[in-house]
Protein backbone atom coordinates (compact mmCIF):
# COMPACT_ATOMS: atom_id res chain seq x y z
CA MET A 1 72.20 104.69 124.44
CA THR A 2 74.29 101.52 124.11
CA GLN A 3 77.54 101.07 126.03
CA ARG A 4 79.49 101.37 122.76
CA ARG A 5 77.84 104.69 121.90
CA ARG A 6 78.42 105.99 125.43
CA MET A 7 82.10 105.10 125.11
CA VAL A 8 82.37 106.83 121.72
CA ALA A 9 80.65 109.92 123.12
CA PHE A 10 82.95 109.93 126.15
CA ILE A 11 86.08 109.60 124.01
CA THR A 12 84.88 112.38 121.71
CA ILE A 13 84.24 114.75 124.61
CA VAL A 14 87.56 113.97 126.31
CA THR A 15 89.50 114.34 123.05
CA GLY A 16 87.82 117.67 122.31
CA LEU A 17 88.49 119.00 125.80
CA TRP A 18 92.11 117.76 125.70
CA THR A 19 92.63 119.56 122.38
CA LEU A 20 91.12 122.82 123.61
CA LEU A 21 93.27 122.77 126.74
CA HIS A 22 96.42 122.38 124.65
CA VAL A 23 95.35 125.27 122.44
CA TYR A 24 94.90 127.31 125.62
CA VAL A 25 98.39 126.36 126.88
CA GLY A 26 99.92 127.22 123.52
CA GLU A 27 98.22 130.60 123.44
CA ARG A 28 99.32 131.44 126.97
CA LEU A 29 102.94 130.36 126.49
CA LEU A 30 103.59 131.38 122.89
CA ALA A 31 101.48 134.53 122.38
CA GLN A 32 104.42 136.91 122.78
CA GLU A 33 104.97 139.64 120.20
CA SER A 34 108.74 139.53 120.71
CA LEU A 35 108.95 135.76 120.17
CA PRO A 36 110.62 134.93 116.83
CA ILE A 37 108.47 133.04 114.35
CA VAL A 38 110.82 130.04 114.38
CA TRP A 39 110.34 129.65 118.14
CA ARG A 40 106.58 129.88 117.73
CA VAL A 41 106.63 127.13 115.13
CA LEU A 42 108.82 124.94 117.33
CA GLY A 43 106.61 125.69 120.33
CA TRP A 44 103.38 124.75 118.57
CA THR A 45 105.05 121.62 117.20
CA GLY A 46 105.94 120.66 120.75
CA ILE A 47 102.36 121.34 121.92
CA LEU A 48 101.06 119.14 119.08
CA LEU A 49 103.41 116.31 120.05
CA LEU A 50 102.36 116.55 123.69
CA ALA A 51 98.68 116.54 122.77
CA THR A 52 98.96 113.50 120.50
CA GLY A 53 101.42 111.57 122.69
CA PRO A 54 98.78 109.77 124.79
CA VAL A 55 96.75 108.85 121.68
CA VAL A 56 99.84 107.32 120.08
CA ALA A 57 100.65 105.49 123.33
CA PHE A 58 97.14 104.01 123.58
CA TRP A 59 97.31 102.95 119.94
CA ALA A 60 100.75 101.40 120.43
CA GLY A 61 99.44 99.41 123.39
CA ARG A 62 96.97 97.62 121.11
CA SER A 63 99.51 96.98 118.32
CA GLU A 64 101.47 93.91 119.38
CA ARG A 65 103.84 93.86 116.38
CA LEU A 66 104.75 97.55 116.42
CA PRO A 67 108.54 98.13 116.48
CA ALA A 68 109.79 100.04 119.54
CA ARG A 69 106.33 99.70 121.06
CA GLY A 70 107.63 100.02 124.62
CA VAL A 71 109.58 103.20 123.87
CA ILE A 72 106.53 104.77 122.21
CA GLU A 73 104.32 103.92 125.19
CA VAL A 74 106.76 105.35 127.74
CA ALA A 75 107.26 108.52 125.69
CA GLY A 76 103.54 108.95 125.09
CA PHE A 77 102.52 108.53 128.73
CA THR A 78 105.35 110.77 129.92
CA ALA A 79 104.10 113.39 127.45
CA MET A 80 100.65 112.97 128.97
CA GLY A 81 102.08 113.73 132.40
CA LEU A 82 103.92 116.83 131.20
CA SER A 83 100.82 118.03 129.33
CA SER A 84 98.60 117.71 132.37
CA LEU A 85 101.14 119.59 134.49
CA LEU A 86 101.49 122.39 131.92
CA ILE A 87 97.71 122.78 131.84
CA VAL A 88 97.45 122.97 135.62
CA PHE A 89 100.39 125.37 135.98
CA ALA A 90 99.06 127.62 133.20
CA LEU A 91 95.61 127.73 134.80
CA ALA A 92 97.13 128.40 138.22
CA GLY A 93 99.38 131.11 136.76
CA ASP A 94 96.40 132.86 135.22
CA ALA A 95 94.39 132.55 138.43
CA LEU A 96 97.28 134.21 140.31
CA HIS A 97 97.78 136.86 137.60
CA LEU A 98 101.45 135.90 137.25
CA ARG A 99 101.68 137.44 133.78
CA ALA A 100 101.03 140.88 135.26
CA TRP A 101 103.72 140.30 137.89
CA LEU A 102 106.35 138.53 135.81
CA GLY A 103 105.64 139.62 132.25
CA ALA A 104 104.98 137.25 129.34
CA GLY A 105 108.49 135.75 129.37
CA GLY A 106 108.52 135.27 133.11
CA PHE A 107 105.09 133.65 133.01
CA THR A 108 106.26 131.15 130.40
CA LEU A 109 109.40 130.38 132.36
CA ALA A 110 107.44 129.88 135.60
CA VAL A 111 104.86 127.58 134.00
CA VAL A 112 107.31 125.46 132.02
CA GLY A 113 109.90 125.38 134.82
CA GLY A 114 107.33 124.41 137.45
CA ALA A 115 105.86 121.65 135.25
CA LEU A 116 109.29 120.20 134.43
CA ALA A 117 110.37 120.27 138.08
CA VAL A 118 107.27 118.35 139.18
CA LEU A 119 107.68 115.95 136.25
CA VAL A 120 111.25 115.06 137.20
CA ALA A 121 110.37 114.63 140.90
CA GLY A 122 107.33 112.53 140.01
CA LEU A 123 109.30 110.29 137.64
CA TRP A 124 111.82 109.60 140.38
CA ARG A 125 109.19 108.88 143.04
CA ALA A 126 107.24 106.54 140.74
CA ARG A 127 110.24 104.24 140.31
CA ARG A 128 110.79 103.80 144.04
CA PRO A 129 109.47 100.60 145.68
CA ALA A 130 105.97 100.76 147.12
CA MET A 131 105.98 101.51 150.84
CA VAL A 132 104.38 99.12 153.34
CA ARG A 133 101.49 100.84 155.12
CA VAL A 134 100.26 99.14 158.30
CA VAL A 135 96.62 99.81 159.21
CA GLU A 136 94.87 98.50 162.33
CA VAL A 137 91.10 98.13 162.07
CA PRO A 138 89.24 97.71 165.38
CA ILE A 139 86.26 95.34 165.16
CA ALA A 140 83.72 95.19 167.97
CA GLY A 141 83.39 91.71 169.46
CA LEU A 142 86.28 90.28 167.46
CA PRO A 143 87.01 86.73 168.69
CA SER A 144 90.44 86.15 170.18
CA ASP A 145 91.23 83.65 167.40
CA LEU A 146 90.92 86.47 164.85
CA GLU A 147 92.98 88.99 166.81
CA GLY A 148 95.80 90.20 164.57
CA PHE A 149 94.36 88.58 161.42
CA ARG A 150 96.50 89.97 158.56
CA ILE A 151 95.10 91.00 155.17
CA VAL A 152 97.67 92.19 152.64
CA GLN A 153 96.07 94.38 150.01
CA LEU A 154 97.52 94.97 146.55
CA SER A 155 95.66 97.30 144.23
CA ASP A 156 95.99 99.10 140.91
CA LEU A 157 99.16 97.38 139.74
CA HIS A 158 98.54 98.52 136.14
CA VAL A 159 101.12 96.16 134.70
CA GLY A 160 101.68 97.02 131.05
CA PRO A 161 103.21 100.01 129.27
CA THR A 162 105.77 101.05 131.89
CA LEU A 163 105.45 98.50 134.73
CA LYS A 164 106.80 95.08 133.89
CA ARG A 165 107.61 91.67 135.35
CA ASN A 166 110.47 92.92 137.56
CA PHE A 167 108.04 95.31 139.27
CA VAL A 168 105.59 92.45 139.91
CA GLU A 169 108.39 90.28 141.31
CA ARG A 170 109.35 92.99 143.82
CA VAL A 171 105.72 93.37 144.90
CA VAL A 172 105.33 89.62 145.39
CA ASP A 173 108.49 89.39 147.49
CA ALA A 174 107.40 92.32 149.67
CA ALA A 175 103.87 90.97 150.15
CA ASN A 176 105.03 87.47 151.08
CA GLY A 177 107.45 88.98 153.57
CA LEU A 178 104.51 90.40 155.53
CA ASP A 179 103.29 86.90 156.49
CA PRO A 180 99.68 87.49 155.38
CA ASP A 181 96.72 85.34 156.34
CA VAL A 182 94.86 86.53 153.23
CA ILE A 183 95.88 88.45 150.11
CA ALA A 184 93.36 90.80 148.51
CA LEU A 185 93.96 92.09 144.97
CA THR A 186 91.41 94.86 144.47
CA GLY A 187 91.39 95.40 140.72
CA ASP A 188 93.18 97.12 137.85
CA VAL A 189 95.83 94.44 137.56
CA ALA A 190 96.96 95.31 134.05
CA ASP A 191 96.56 97.56 131.03
CA GLY A 192 96.55 95.20 128.09
CA PHE A 193 95.04 91.91 126.97
CA PRO A 194 96.00 88.73 128.87
CA PRO A 195 97.93 87.04 126.02
CA ALA A 196 100.23 90.06 125.70
CA LEU A 197 100.86 90.41 129.45
CA ARG A 198 100.74 86.81 130.64
CA ASP A 199 104.47 86.60 131.28
CA GLU A 200 104.55 90.01 132.99
CA VAL A 201 101.89 89.12 135.59
CA ALA A 202 103.02 85.49 136.02
CA PRO A 203 104.95 86.18 139.28
CA LEU A 204 101.58 86.78 141.01
CA ALA A 205 101.33 82.99 141.16
CA GLY A 206 104.06 83.14 143.81
CA LEU A 207 101.93 85.04 146.32
CA ARG A 208 101.34 82.91 149.41
CA ALA A 209 98.68 83.13 152.13
CA PRO A 210 97.33 80.19 154.17
CA HIS A 211 93.69 81.31 153.95
CA GLY A 212 93.73 82.21 150.27
CA LYS A 213 94.25 85.03 147.81
CA PHE A 214 91.26 86.82 146.34
CA PHE A 215 90.69 89.03 143.31
CA VAL A 216 87.97 91.48 142.24
CA THR A 217 87.74 93.34 138.96
CA GLY A 218 88.52 97.02 138.56
CA ASN A 219 87.34 99.35 135.82
CA HIS A 220 90.45 98.69 133.71
CA GLU A 221 89.70 94.98 133.48
CA TYR A 222 86.63 95.99 131.47
CA TYR A 223 88.80 97.84 128.96
CA TRP A 224 90.87 94.71 128.29
CA ASP A 225 88.45 91.72 128.38
CA ALA A 226 87.34 91.28 131.99
CA ALA A 227 86.24 87.66 131.59
CA ALA A 228 89.67 86.72 130.23
CA TRP A 229 91.41 88.50 133.13
CA VAL A 230 89.21 86.67 135.64
CA ARG A 231 90.32 83.37 134.07
CA GLU A 232 93.95 84.52 134.02
CA LEU A 233 93.97 85.39 137.73
CA GLU A 234 92.23 82.13 138.61
CA GLY A 235 95.01 80.36 136.72
CA LEU A 236 97.50 82.15 138.98
CA GLY A 237 95.83 80.72 142.07
CA PHE A 238 93.37 83.49 142.95
CA SER A 239 89.73 83.02 143.88
CA ALA A 240 87.86 85.54 141.74
CA LEU A 241 84.94 86.96 143.70
CA VAL A 242 82.38 87.96 141.07
CA ASN A 243 79.64 89.13 143.43
CA GLY A 244 80.40 86.13 145.61
CA HIS A 245 81.97 85.18 148.93
CA ARG A 246 84.13 82.68 150.78
CA LEU A 247 84.12 81.62 154.44
CA ILE A 248 87.45 81.62 156.26
CA ARG A 249 87.97 79.89 159.59
CA ARG A 250 90.82 80.48 162.03
CA GLY A 251 90.29 78.56 165.22
CA SER A 252 86.75 79.32 166.33
CA GLY A 253 86.72 82.63 164.43
CA ARG A 254 84.92 83.00 161.11
CA ILE A 255 85.34 85.68 158.44
CA VAL A 256 83.27 86.06 155.30
CA VAL A 257 85.34 87.63 152.51
CA ALA A 258 83.09 88.87 149.74
CA GLY A 259 83.88 90.65 146.50
CA VAL A 260 81.99 92.64 143.90
CA THR A 261 82.65 93.53 140.29
CA ASP A 262 83.53 97.12 139.50
CA LEU A 263 80.79 99.74 139.29
CA SER A 264 81.66 100.32 135.61
CA SER A 265 80.66 96.75 134.71
CA GLY A 266 76.88 97.24 134.58
CA GLY A 267 76.54 96.62 130.85
CA ILE A 268 78.05 93.12 130.99
CA SER A 269 75.79 90.18 131.76
CA GLY A 270 76.33 88.80 135.25
CA HIS A 271 78.77 91.55 136.23
CA ARG A 272 76.50 94.20 137.76
CA SER A 273 78.10 95.16 141.07
CA ASP A 274 75.97 93.87 143.96
CA PRO A 275 77.36 94.12 147.54
CA ALA A 276 74.15 92.74 149.08
CA GLY A 277 74.01 89.85 146.63
CA ALA A 278 77.64 89.02 147.28
CA ILE A 279 76.75 87.84 150.82
CA ALA A 280 73.33 86.43 150.05
CA GLU A 281 73.05 83.08 151.80
CA ALA A 282 76.44 83.54 153.45
CA PRO A 283 76.91 81.54 156.67
CA GLU A 284 77.07 83.19 160.07
CA SER A 285 80.38 84.92 160.71
CA ASP A 286 82.14 87.21 163.16
CA VAL A 287 83.39 89.63 160.49
CA LYS A 288 82.17 90.53 157.01
CA VAL A 289 84.80 92.02 154.66
CA LEU A 290 84.01 93.36 151.19
CA LEU A 291 86.57 93.75 148.43
CA ALA A 292 85.38 96.46 146.02
CA HIS A 293 87.57 98.36 143.59
CA GLN A 294 85.82 101.71 143.91
CA PRO A 295 85.31 103.42 147.28
CA LYS A 296 81.84 104.52 146.12
CA SER A 297 80.62 100.97 146.76
CA ALA A 298 80.85 101.76 150.48
CA PHE A 299 77.35 103.21 150.73
CA ALA A 300 75.75 100.00 149.46
CA ALA A 301 78.19 97.94 151.54
CA ARG A 302 77.24 99.80 154.71
CA ALA A 303 73.56 99.14 154.02
CA ALA A 304 74.31 95.44 153.47
CA GLY A 305 75.93 95.11 156.92
CA TYR A 306 79.64 94.76 156.19
CA ASP A 307 82.20 95.50 158.88
CA LEU A 308 85.01 96.51 156.53
CA GLN A 309 85.37 97.44 152.86
CA ILE A 310 88.78 97.41 151.17
CA SER A 311 89.14 99.49 147.99
CA GLY A 312 91.57 101.20 145.63
CA HIS A 313 90.89 103.01 142.32
CA THR A 314 91.81 106.59 143.30
CA HIS A 315 95.61 106.17 143.45
CA GLY A 316 95.37 108.85 146.12
CA GLY A 317 95.42 111.31 143.19
CA GLN A 318 98.80 109.83 142.08
CA TYR A 319 100.69 113.11 141.68
CA PHE A 320 100.57 116.74 142.68
CA PRO A 321 98.32 118.67 142.19
CA PHE A 322 95.83 115.97 141.19
CA ASN A 323 96.01 114.43 144.65
CA LEU A 324 94.20 117.63 145.72
CA LEU A 325 91.81 117.88 142.77
CA VAL A 326 90.63 114.27 142.98
CA ARG A 327 88.74 115.16 146.13
CA LEU A 328 86.27 117.04 143.94
CA PHE A 329 85.24 113.77 142.27
CA GLN A 330 85.70 111.04 144.90
CA PRO A 331 84.07 110.95 148.35
CA PHE A 332 87.00 108.94 149.76
CA VAL A 333 90.51 109.33 148.35
CA ALA A 334 92.91 107.46 150.62
CA GLY A 335 93.30 105.98 154.08
CA LEU A 336 90.93 104.66 156.73
CA HIS A 337 87.40 106.06 157.05
CA ARG A 338 84.45 105.34 159.33
CA LEU A 339 80.92 105.08 157.91
CA GLU A 340 78.68 104.56 160.92
CA ALA A 341 79.36 100.93 161.93
CA MET A 342 81.52 100.11 158.89
CA TRP A 343 85.18 100.81 158.17
CA LEU A 344 86.47 101.69 154.70
CA TYR A 345 90.12 101.54 153.69
CA VAL A 346 91.21 103.10 150.39
CA SER A 347 94.65 102.21 149.05
CA ARG A 348 96.75 104.73 147.11
CA GLY A 349 97.60 101.87 144.76
CA THR A 350 100.65 99.67 144.36
CA GLY A 351 101.50 100.77 140.81
CA TYR A 352 100.31 103.73 138.76
CA TRP A 353 98.30 104.42 135.64
CA GLY A 354 99.27 106.44 132.57
CA PRO A 355 101.99 108.98 133.32
CA PRO A 356 104.83 107.24 135.19
CA LEU A 357 104.53 109.81 137.98
CA ARG A 358 103.96 109.74 141.74
CA LEU A 359 104.25 112.79 143.95
CA GLY A 360 102.34 113.51 147.14
CA ALA A 361 100.61 110.12 146.92
CA PRO A 362 103.16 107.33 147.45
CA ALA A 363 102.48 103.82 146.16
CA GLU A 364 101.67 101.30 148.86
CA ILE A 365 101.37 97.66 149.82
CA THR A 366 98.85 97.64 152.65
CA LEU A 367 98.92 95.38 155.69
CA ILE A 368 95.49 95.49 157.36
CA GLN A 369 95.38 93.94 160.82
CA LEU A 370 92.11 93.20 162.59
CA THR A 371 92.11 94.12 166.28
CA ARG A 372 89.51 93.94 169.03
CA ALA A 373 87.71 97.26 169.60
């Protein structure tokens, strides 16, 4: 099956499942004999709008001349957040048999009220500045010249529908204030094509680090022309590591910083993710660091002999309760992990994707400091 057919099949399955879940929510919330017909009609109209909101938002994002495009995108992705919360709360309510305890009206009130409360809290948290998370990584035999080496990681900015230039400017100011030796941008920079978002991401050119700033692709780059985004980031002063590496020297200490393309890139020529190939013929070094968007690359990275992998992708689940559910699908969700002799750090992301929500998984700018074990 070609990549195009796989994508069509995936979209068809997701759309069908999304539709069925909204029918389920409607049935659970509106199937009350005492509910007047006018309220049922209004309720099902609301369910229809929630279900189609994300589709309209995605379509608007690809229509550059659409009037009020930004408003449509914000409304559509907010609707997506409310929909997902209603689905989860309805499922949880049924699992807890709340209808038997509260009655049909009480069940509806609990589900809708709970979803709206989480939505409002998540909207507020998402607009707050990303926190700075300091992480110390002990490396055995680290030379004294590399003690305290500072890597500032930015990940999953997702500039586009609801995150704009002013957000990027704040991130750049915060990152530069951490006095980094290296800046690592681990994928999912934007949701849109480069020509449409060039001005929004332009402040990334202002990031400063004496030993360089490096970029690897995430899965979202492959939705919006990955090759063009690689060129765009290189134009902003980044070294794009497409299954490649660079040697960094500080005093007598040497670090190889390698980077791989995202695991979703297999169908594109020259972009198959290859942690071992990324350090093929690399010079001798004291530390080997891999930048890889998805934490799942860690198993191949460990086998290839890296000391540290830096990843993103998961957003830490982004908002409650998905920060709990994501653990069913990802082996590593957030924070620092040990895989035998290798360390893995997974960022919760600096921005967010889709629904403008964050709750239980705060956005972060990560300062990784190398220390002697």
